[in-house]
């Protein structure tokens, strides 16, 4: 994994959940297995309820002018879906 960001997203039924946007070093063939592996790793390090329920693999994370991850841009990406 190269880098990632986790944001809170609102579900259609007004609940909130966590979604991870992940940039990998190499292209993967089995996204489901990689997602499970990432979620299992996070569950070992944090409380089980804190793991991201969904994972999306993207080519690059949007950045602000100062080089920080632009979480608002990630939320806009999510809201278009």
PDB file of N, CA and C in Angstrom:
ATOM      1  N   UNK A   1       0.849  -1.168   0.000  1.00  0.00           N
ATOM      2  CA  UNK A   1       0.000   0.000   0.000  1.00  0.00           C
ATOM      3  C   UNK A   1       0.899   1.237   0.000  1.00  0.00           C
ATOM      4  N   UNK A   2       0.536   2.163  -0.830  1.00  0.00           N
ATOM      5  CA  UNK A   2       1.309   3.397  -0.942  1.00  0.00           C
ATOM      6  C   UNK A   2       0.801   4.438   0.051  1.00  0.00           C
ATOM      7  N   UNK A   3      -0.496   4.735  -0.002  1.00  0.00           N
ATOM      8  CA  UNK A   3      -1.104   5.671   0.939  1.00  0.00           C
ATOM      9  C   UNK A   3      -2.606   5.446   0.970  1.00  0.00           C
ATOM     10  N   UNK A   4      -3.238   5.964   2.020  1.00  0.00           N
ATOM     11  CA  UNK A   4      -4.687   5.810   2.133  1.00  0.00           C
ATOM     12  C   UNK A   4      -5.264   6.943   2.964  1.00  0.00           C
ATOM     13  N   UNK A   5      -6.571   7.088   2.858  1.00  0.00           N
ATOM     14  CA  UNK A   5      -7.318   8.045   3.670  1.00  0.00           C
ATOM     15  C   UNK A   5      -8.664   7.412   3.997  1.00  0.00           C
ATOM     16  N   UNK A   6      -9.134   7.666   5.205  1.00  0.00           N
ATOM     17  CA  UNK A   6     -10.427   7.137   5.632  1.00  0.00           C
ATOM     18  C   UNK A   6     -11.333   8.317   5.965  1.00  0.00           C
ATOM     19  N   UNK A   7     -12.544   8.287   5.423  1.00  0.00           N
ATOM     20  CA  UNK A   7     -13.522   9.348   5.675  1.00  0.00           C
ATOM     21  C   UNK A   7     -14.846   8.730   6.115  1.00  0.00           C
ATOM     22  N   UNK A   8     -15.612   9.509   6.832  1.00  0.00           N
ATOM     23  CA  UNK A   8     -16.955   9.097   7.222  1.00  0.00           C
ATOM     24  C   UNK A   8     -17.909   9.469   6.100  1.00  0.00           C
ATOM     25  N   UNK A   9     -18.735   8.517   5.678  1.00  0.00           N
ATOM     26  CA  UNK A   9     -19.705   8.767   4.618  1.00  0.00           C
ATOM     27  C   UNK A   9     -21.095   8.420   5.129  1.00  0.00           C
ATOM     28  N   UNK A  10     -22.066   9.139   4.608  1.00  0.00           N
ATOM     29  CA  UNK A  10     -23.448   8.903   5.017  1.00  0.00           C
ATOM     30  C   UNK A  10     -24.102   7.917   4.059  1.00  0.00           C
ATOM     31  N   UNK A  11     -24.754   6.925   4.631  1.00  0.00           N
ATOM     32  CA  UNK A  11     -25.474   5.920   3.848  1.00  0.00           C
ATOM     33  C   UNK A  11     -26.857   6.449   3.486  1.00  0.00           C
ATOM     34  N   UNK A  12     -27.526   5.837   2.520  1.00  0.00           N
ATOM     35  CA  UNK A  12     -28.866   6.292   2.128  1.00  0.00           C
ATOM     36  C   UNK A  12     -29.879   6.305   3.284  1.00  0.00           C
ATOM     37  N   UNK A  13     -29.690   5.435   4.273  1.00  0.00           N
ATOM     38  CA  UNK A  13     -30.623   5.403   5.403  1.00  0.00           C
ATOM     39  C   UNK A  13     -30.190   6.325   6.546  1.00  0.00           C
ATOM     40  N   UNK A  14     -29.297   7.280   6.252  1.00  0.00           N
ATOM     41  CA  UNK A  14     -28.824   8.322   7.167  1.00  0.00           C
ATOM     42  C   UNK A  14     -27.866   7.830   8.246  1.00  0.00           C
ATOM     43  N   UNK A  15     -27.434   6.583   8.189  1.00  0.00           N
ATOM     44  CA  UNK A  15     -26.382   6.129   9.099  1.00  0.00           C
ATOM     45  C   UNK A  15     -25.032   6.573   8.530  1.00  0.00           C
ATOM     46  N   UNK A  16     -24.022   6.593   9.383  1.00  0.00           N
ATOM     47  CA  UNK A  16     -22.680   6.961   8.956  1.00  0.00           C
ATOM     48  C   UNK A  16     -21.775   5.748   9.068  1.00  0.00           C
ATOM     49  N   UNK A  17     -20.889   5.594   8.082  1.00  0.00           N
ATOM     50  CA  UNK A  17     -19.932   4.494   8.086  1.00  0.00           C
ATOM     51  C   UNK A  17     -18.587   5.011   7.609  1.00  0.00           C
ATOM     52  N   UNK A  18     -17.563   4.195   7.750  1.00  0.00           N
ATOM     53  CA  UNK A  18     -16.224   4.582   7.320  1.00  0.00           C
ATOM     54  C   UNK A  18     -15.891   3.967   5.973  1.00  0.00           C
ATOM     55  N   UNK A  19     -15.236   4.773   5.130  1.00  0.00           N
ATOM     56  CA  UNK A  19     -14.803   4.297   3.827  1.00  0.00           C
ATOM     57  C   UNK A  19     -13.334   4.652   3.649  1.00  0.00           C
ATOM     58  N   UNK A  20     -12.555   3.682   3.206  1.00  0.00           N
ATOM     59  CA  UNK A  20     -11.128   3.892   2.963  1.00  0.00           C
ATOM     60  C   UNK A  20     -10.882   4.051   1.469  1.00  0.00           C
ATOM     61  N   UNK A  21     -10.098   5.051   1.117  1.00  0.00           N
ATOM     62  CA  UNK A  21      -9.616   5.229  -0.244  1.00  0.00           C
ATOM     63  C   UNK A  21      -8.142   4.849  -0.214  1.00  0.00           C
ATOM     64  N   UNK A  22      -7.763   3.864  -1.015  1.00  0.00           N
ATOM     65  CA  UNK A  22      -6.430   3.280  -0.933  1.00  0.00           C
ATOM     66  C   UNK A  22      -5.712   3.388  -2.274  1.00  0.00           C
ATOM     67  N   UNK A  23      -4.461   3.820  -2.218  1.00  0.00           N
ATOM     68  CA  UNK A  23      -3.574   3.838  -3.385  1.00  0.00           C
ATOM     69  C   UNK A  23      -2.528   2.761  -3.143  1.00  0.00           C
ATOM     70  N   UNK A  24      -2.446   1.806  -4.051  1.00  0.00           N
ATOM     71  CA  UNK A  24      -1.507   0.700  -3.916  1.00  0.00           C
ATOM     72  C   UNK A  24      -0.239   0.951  -4.721  1.00  0.00           C
ATOM     73  N   UNK A  25       0.839   0.311  -4.307  1.00  0.00           N
ATOM     74  CA  UNK A  25       2.103   0.396  -5.052  1.00  0.00           C
ATOM     75  C   UNK A  25       1.983  -0.315  -6.394  1.00  0.00           C
ATOM     76  N   UNK A  26       1.348  -1.478  -6.371  1.00  0.00           N
ATOM     77  CA  UNK A  26       1.202  -2.292  -7.574  1.00  0.00           C
ATOM     78  C   UNK A  26      -0.270  -2.530  -7.848  1.00  0.00           C
ATOM     79  N   UNK A  27      -0.587  -2.829  -9.094  1.00  0.00           N
ATOM     80  CA  UNK A  27      -1.968  -3.149  -9.449  1.00  0.00           C
ATOM     81  C   UNK A  27      -2.325  -4.518  -8.877  1.00  0.00           C
ATOM     82  N   UNK A  28      -3.570  -4.654  -8.412  1.00  0.00           N
ATOM     83  CA  UNK A  28      -4.013  -5.922  -7.840  1.00  0.00           C
ATOM     84  C   UNK A  28      -5.035  -6.567  -8.753  1.00  0.00           C
ATOM     85  N   UNK A  29      -5.106  -7.875  -8.684  1.00  0.00           N
ATOM     86  CA  UNK A  29      -6.067  -8.599  -9.495  1.00  0.00           C
ATOM     87  C   UNK A  29      -7.309  -8.969  -8.689  1.00  0.00           C
ATOM     88  N   UNK A  30      -7.133  -9.270  -7.422  1.00  0.00           N
ATOM     89  CA  UNK A  30      -8.243  -9.704  -6.588  1.00  0.00           C
ATOM     90  C   UNK A  30      -8.536  -8.629  -5.537  1.00  0.00           C
ATOM     91  N   UNK A  31      -9.415  -7.694  -5.879  1.00  0.00           N
ATOM     92  CA  UNK A  31      -9.709  -6.594  -4.962  1.00  0.00           C
ATOM     93  C   UNK A  31     -10.451  -7.066  -3.714  1.00  0.00           C
ATOM     94  N   UNK A  32     -11.278  -8.090  -3.852  1.00  0.00           N
ATOM     95  CA  UNK A  32     -12.018  -8.581  -2.686  1.00  0.00           C
ATOM     96  C   UNK A  32     -11.077  -9.157  -1.635  1.00  0.00           C
ATOM     97  N   UNK A  33     -10.113  -9.941  -2.064  1.00  0.00           N
ATOM     98  CA  UNK A  33      -9.154 -10.531  -1.120  1.00  0.00           C
ATOM     99  C   UNK A  33      -8.298  -9.453  -0.474  1.00  0.00           C
ATOM    100  N   UNK A  34      -7.878  -8.474  -1.246  1.00  0.00           N
ATOM    101  CA  UNK A  34      -7.077  -7.380  -0.707  1.00  0.00           C
ATOM    102  C   UNK A  34      -7.881  -6.560   0.283  1.00  0.00           C
ATOM    103  N   UNK A  35      -9.157  -6.309  -0.025  1.00  0.00           N
ATOM    104  CA  UNK A  35     -10.032  -5.583   0.895  1.00  0.00           C
ATOM    105  C   UNK A  35     -10.154  -6.334   2.211  1.00  0.00           C
ATOM    106  N   UNK A  36     -10.414  -7.626   2.154  1.00  0.00           N
ATOM    107  CA  UNK A  36     -10.528  -8.432   3.381  1.00  0.00           C
ATOM    108  C   UNK A  36      -9.229  -8.399   4.175  1.00  0.00           C
ATOM    109  N   UNK A  37      -8.109  -8.490   3.485  1.00  0.00           N
ATOM    110  CA  UNK A  37      -6.815  -8.480   4.155  1.00  0.00           C
ATOM    111  C   UNK A  37      -6.585  -7.147   4.880  1.00  0.00           C
ATOM    112  N   UNK A  38      -6.894  -6.039   4.221  1.00  0.00           N
ATOM    113  CA  UNK A  38      -6.756  -4.728   4.847  1.00  0.00           C
ATOM    114  C   UNK A  38      -7.688  -4.580   6.053  1.00  0.00           C
ATOM    115  N   UNK A  39      -8.939  -5.003   5.897  1.00  0.00           N
ATOM    116  CA  UNK A  39      -9.898  -4.897   6.991  1.00  0.00           C
ATOM    117  C   UNK A  39      -9.465  -5.758   8.177  1.00  0.00           C
ATOM    118  N   UNK A  40      -8.993  -6.961   7.928  1.00  0.00           N
ATOM    119  CA  UNK A  40      -8.532  -7.829   9.010  1.00  0.00           C
ATOM    120  C   UNK A  40      -7.341  -7.217   9.744  1.00  0.00           C
ATOM    121  N   UNK A  41      -6.433  -6.612   9.003  1.00  0.00           N
ATOM    122  CA  UNK A  41      -5.274  -5.961   9.614  1.00  0.00           C
ATOM    123  C   UNK A  41      -5.726  -4.823  10.540  1.00  0.00           C
ATOM    124  N   UNK A  42      -6.638  -3.992  10.053  1.00  0.00           N
ATOM    125  CA  UNK A  42      -7.116  -2.860  10.853  1.00  0.00           C
ATOM    126  C   UNK A  42      -7.855  -3.356  12.096  1.00  0.00           C
ATOM    127  N   UNK A  43      -8.627  -4.420  11.967  1.00  0.00           N
ATOM    128  CA  UNK A  43      -9.346  -4.966  13.122  1.00  0.00           C
ATOM    129  C   UNK A  43      -8.382  -5.431  14.215  1.00  0.00           C
ATOM    130  N   UNK A  44      -7.197  -5.896  13.830  1.00  0.00           N
ATOM    131  CA  UNK A  44      -6.203  -6.327  14.818  1.00  0.00           C
ATOM    132  C   UNK A  44      -5.563  -5.146  15.535  1.00  0.00           C
ATOM    133  N   UNK A  45      -5.451  -4.012  14.851  1.00  0.00           N
ATOM    134  CA  UNK A  45      -4.768  -2.848  15.407  1.00  0.00           C
ATOM    135  C   UNK A  45      -5.705  -1.902  16.162  1.00  0.00           C
ATOM    136  N   UNK A  46      -6.963  -1.839  15.743  1.00  0.00           N
ATOM    137  CA  UNK A  46      -7.947  -0.938  16.353  1.00  0.00           C
ATOM    138  C   UNK A  46      -9.114  -1.751  16.883  1.00  0.00           C
ATOM    139  N   UNK A  47     -10.014  -1.071  17.548  1.00  0.00           N
ATOM    140  CA  UNK A  47     -11.235  -1.739  17.984  1.00  0.00           C
ATOM    141  C   UNK A  47     -11.993  -2.214  16.745  1.00  0.00           C
ATOM    142  N   UNK A  48     -12.602  -3.408  16.797  1.00  0.00           N
ATOM    143  CA  UNK A  48     -13.250  -3.966  15.598  1.00  0.00           C
ATOM    144  C   UNK A  48     -14.301  -3.059  14.962  1.00  0.00           C
ATOM    145  N   UNK A  49     -14.975  -2.245  15.732  1.00  0.00           N
ATOM    146  CA  UNK A  49     -16.010  -1.388  15.143  1.00  0.00           C
ATOM    147  C   UNK A  49     -15.432  -0.198  14.388  1.00  0.00           C
ATOM    148  N   UNK A  50     -14.129   0.026  14.480  1.00  0.00           N
ATOM    149  CA  UNK A  50     -13.509   1.178  13.828  1.00  0.00           C
ATOM    150  C   UNK A  50     -12.970   0.884  12.427  1.00  0.00           C
ATOM    151  N   UNK A  51     -13.107  -0.344  11.950  1.00  0.00           N
ATOM    152  CA  UNK A  51     -12.544  -0.657  10.637  1.00  0.00           C
ATOM    153  C   UNK A  51     -13.439  -0.101   9.525  1.00  0.00           C
ATOM    154  N   UNK A  52     -12.866   0.278   8.389  1.00  0.00           N
ATOM    155  CA  UNK A  52     -13.675   0.803   7.286  1.00  0.00           C
ATOM    156  C   UNK A  52     -14.511  -0.311   6.657  1.00  0.00           C
ATOM    157  N   UNK A  53     -15.792  -0.061   6.524  1.00  0.00           N
ATOM    158  CA  UNK A  53     -16.699  -1.080   5.977  1.00  0.00           C
ATOM    159  C   UNK A  53     -16.551  -1.232   4.477  1.00  0.00           C
ATOM    160  N   UNK A  54     -16.136  -0.166   3.809  1.00  0.00           N
ATOM    161  CA  UNK A  54     -15.909  -0.239   2.368  1.00  0.00           C
ATOM    162  C   UNK A  54     -14.512   0.281   2.054  1.00  0.00           C
ATOM    163  N   UNK A  55     -13.931  -0.278   1.016  1.00  0.00           N
ATOM    164  CA  UNK A  55     -12.595   0.119   0.571  1.00  0.00           C
ATOM    165  C   UNK A  55     -12.672   0.349  -0.931  1.00  0.00           C
ATOM    166  N   UNK A  56     -12.151   1.484  -1.355  1.00  0.00           N
ATOM    167  CA  UNK A  56     -12.106   1.784  -2.790  1.00  0.00           C
ATOM    168  C   UNK A  56     -10.654   2.017  -3.181  1.00  0.00           C
ATOM    169  N   UNK A  57     -10.236   1.359  -4.238  1.00  0.00           N
ATOM    170  CA  UNK A  57      -8.873   1.503  -4.729  1.00  0.00           C
ATOM    171  C   UNK A  57      -8.861   2.555  -5.828  1.00  0.00           C
ATOM    172  N   UNK A  58      -8.000   3.559  -5.665  1.00  0.00           N
ATOM    173  CA  UNK A  58      -7.907   4.653  -6.637  1.00  0.00           C
ATOM    174  C   UNK A  58      -6.444   4.835  -7.035  1.00  0.00           C
ATOM    175  N   UNK A  59      -6.226   5.538  -8.146  1.00  0.00           N
ATOM    176  CA  UNK A  59      -4.858   5.724  -8.655  1.00  0.00           C
ATOM    177  C   UNK A  59      -4.056   6.701  -7.810  1.00  0.00           C
ATOM    178  N   UNK A  60      -4.701   7.779  -7.347  1.00  0.00           N
ATOM    179  CA  UNK A  60      -4.021   8.753  -6.497  1.00  0.00           C
ATOM    180  C   UNK A  60      -5.034   9.489  -5.637  1.00  0.00           C
ATOM    181  N   UNK A  61      -4.581   9.929  -4.482  1.00  0.00           N
ATOM    182  CA  UNK A  61      -5.439  10.693  -3.588  1.00  0.00           C
ATOM    183  C   UNK A  61      -5.379  12.166  -3.984  1.00  0.00           C
ATOM    184  N   UNK A  62      -6.516  12.851  -3.934  1.00  0.00           N
ATOM    185  CA  UNK A  62      -6.484  14.285  -4.235  1.00  0.00           C
ATOM    186  C   UNK A  62      -5.729  15.025  -3.130  1.00  0.00           C
ATOM    187  N   UNK A  63      -4.950  16.012  -3.517  1.00  0.00           N
ATOM    188  CA  UNK A  63      -4.138  16.764  -2.559  1.00  0.00           C
ATOM    189  C   UNK A  63      -4.487  18.246  -2.632  1.00  0.00           C
ATOM    190  N   UNK A  64      -4.286  18.934  -1.519  1.00  0.00           N
ATOM    191  CA  UNK A  64      -4.461  20.381  -1.483  1.00  0.00           C
ATOM    192  C   UNK A  64      -3.198  21.037  -2.030  1.00  0.00           C
ATOM    193  N   UNK A  65      -3.198  22.346  -2.097  1.00  0.00           N
ATOM    194  CA  UNK A  65      -2.030  23.077  -2.586  1.00  0.00           C
ATOM    195  C   UNK A  65      -0.801  22.891  -1.723  1.00  0.00           C
ATOM    196  N   UNK A  66      -1.008  22.543  -0.442  1.00  0.00           N
ATOM    197  CA  UNK A  66       0.122  22.334   0.468  1.00  0.00           C
ATOM    198  C   UNK A  66       0.553  20.872   0.530  1.00  0.00           C
ATOM    199  N   UNK A  67      -0.074  20.010  -0.283  1.00  0.00           N
ATOM    200  CA  UNK A  67       0.317  18.614  -0.343  1.00  0.00           C
ATOM    201  C   UNK A  67      -0.396  17.689   0.625  1.00  0.00           C
ATOM    202  N   UNK A  68      -1.358  18.219   1.366  1.00  0.00           N
ATOM    203  CA  UNK A  68      -2.121  17.377   2.291  1.00  0.00           C
ATOM    204  C   UNK A  68      -3.268  16.695   1.544  1.00  0.00           C
ATOM    205  N   UNK A  69      -3.744  15.587   2.095  1.00  0.00           N
ATOM    206  CA  UNK A  69      -4.865  14.873   1.475  1.00  0.00           C
ATOM    207  C   UNK A  69      -6.118  15.736   1.561  1.00  0.00           C
ATOM    208  N   UNK A  70      -6.788  15.911   0.439  1.00  0.00           N
ATOM    209  CA  UNK A  70      -7.995  16.731   0.357  1.00  0.00           C
ATOM    210  C   UNK A  70      -9.223  15.858   0.645  1.00  0.00           C
ATOM    211  N   UNK A  71      -9.609  15.798   1.904  1.00  0.00           N
ATOM    212  CA  UNK A  71     -10.734  14.955   2.317  1.00  0.00           C
ATOM    213  C   UNK A  71     -12.066  15.461   1.751  1.00  0.00           C
ATOM    214  N   UNK A  72     -12.188  16.760   1.563  1.00  0.00           N
ATOM    215  CA  UNK A  72     -13.419  17.292   0.970  1.00  0.00           C
ATOM    216  C   UNK A  72     -13.576  16.793  -0.461  1.00  0.00           C
ATOM    217  N   UNK A  73     -12.491  16.695  -1.194  1.00  0.00           N
ATOM    218  CA  UNK A  73     -12.547  16.165  -2.565  1.00  0.00           C
ATOM    219  C   UNK A  73     -12.941  14.690  -2.543  1.00  0.00           C
ATOM    220  N   UNK A  74     -12.455  13.940  -1.551  1.00  0.00           N
ATOM    221  CA  UNK A  74     -12.859  12.541  -1.423  1.00  0.00           C
ATOM    222  C   UNK A  74     -14.352  12.426  -1.151  1.00  0.00           C
ATOM    223  N   UNK A  75     -14.880  13.298  -0.311  1.00  0.00           N
ATOM    224  CA  UNK A  75     -16.317  13.282  -0.029  1.00  0.00           C
ATOM    225  C   UNK A  75     -17.128  13.640  -1.271  1.00  0.00           C
ATOM    226  N   UNK A  76     -16.599  14.537  -2.104  1.00  0.00           N
ATOM    227  CA  UNK A  76     -17.286  14.877  -3.354  1.00  0.00           C
ATOM    228  C   UNK A  76     -17.291  13.684  -4.302  1.00  0.00           C
ATOM    229  N   UNK A  77     -16.169  12.962  -4.352  1.00  0.00           N
ATOM    230  CA  UNK A  77     -16.105  11.749  -5.181  1.00  0.00           C
ATOM    231  C   UNK A  77     -17.163  10.774  -4.715  1.00  0.00           C
ATOM    232  N   UNK A  78     -17.269  10.594  -3.413  1.00  0.00           N
ATOM    233  CA  UNK A  78     -18.236   9.650  -2.850  1.00  0.00           C
ATOM    234  C   UNK A  78     -19.671  10.098  -3.107  1.00  0.00           C
ATOM    235  N   UNK A  79     -19.957  11.378  -3.013  1.00  0.00           N
ATOM    236  CA  UNK A  79     -21.329  11.853  -3.180  1.00  0.00           C
ATOM    237  C   UNK A  79     -21.824  11.720  -4.620  1.00  0.00           C
ATOM    238  N   UNK A  80     -20.914  11.636  -5.583  1.00  0.00           N
ATOM    239  CA  UNK A  80     -21.312  11.466  -6.985  1.00  0.00           C
ATOM    240  C   UNK A  80     -21.758  10.043  -7.293  1.00  0.00           C
ATOM    241  N   UNK A  81     -21.530   9.131  -6.391  1.00  0.00           N
ATOM    242  CA  UNK A  81     -21.878   7.724  -6.651  1.00  0.00           C
ATOM    243  C   UNK A  81     -23.239   7.400  -6.153  1.00  0.00           C
TER     244      UNK A  81
END
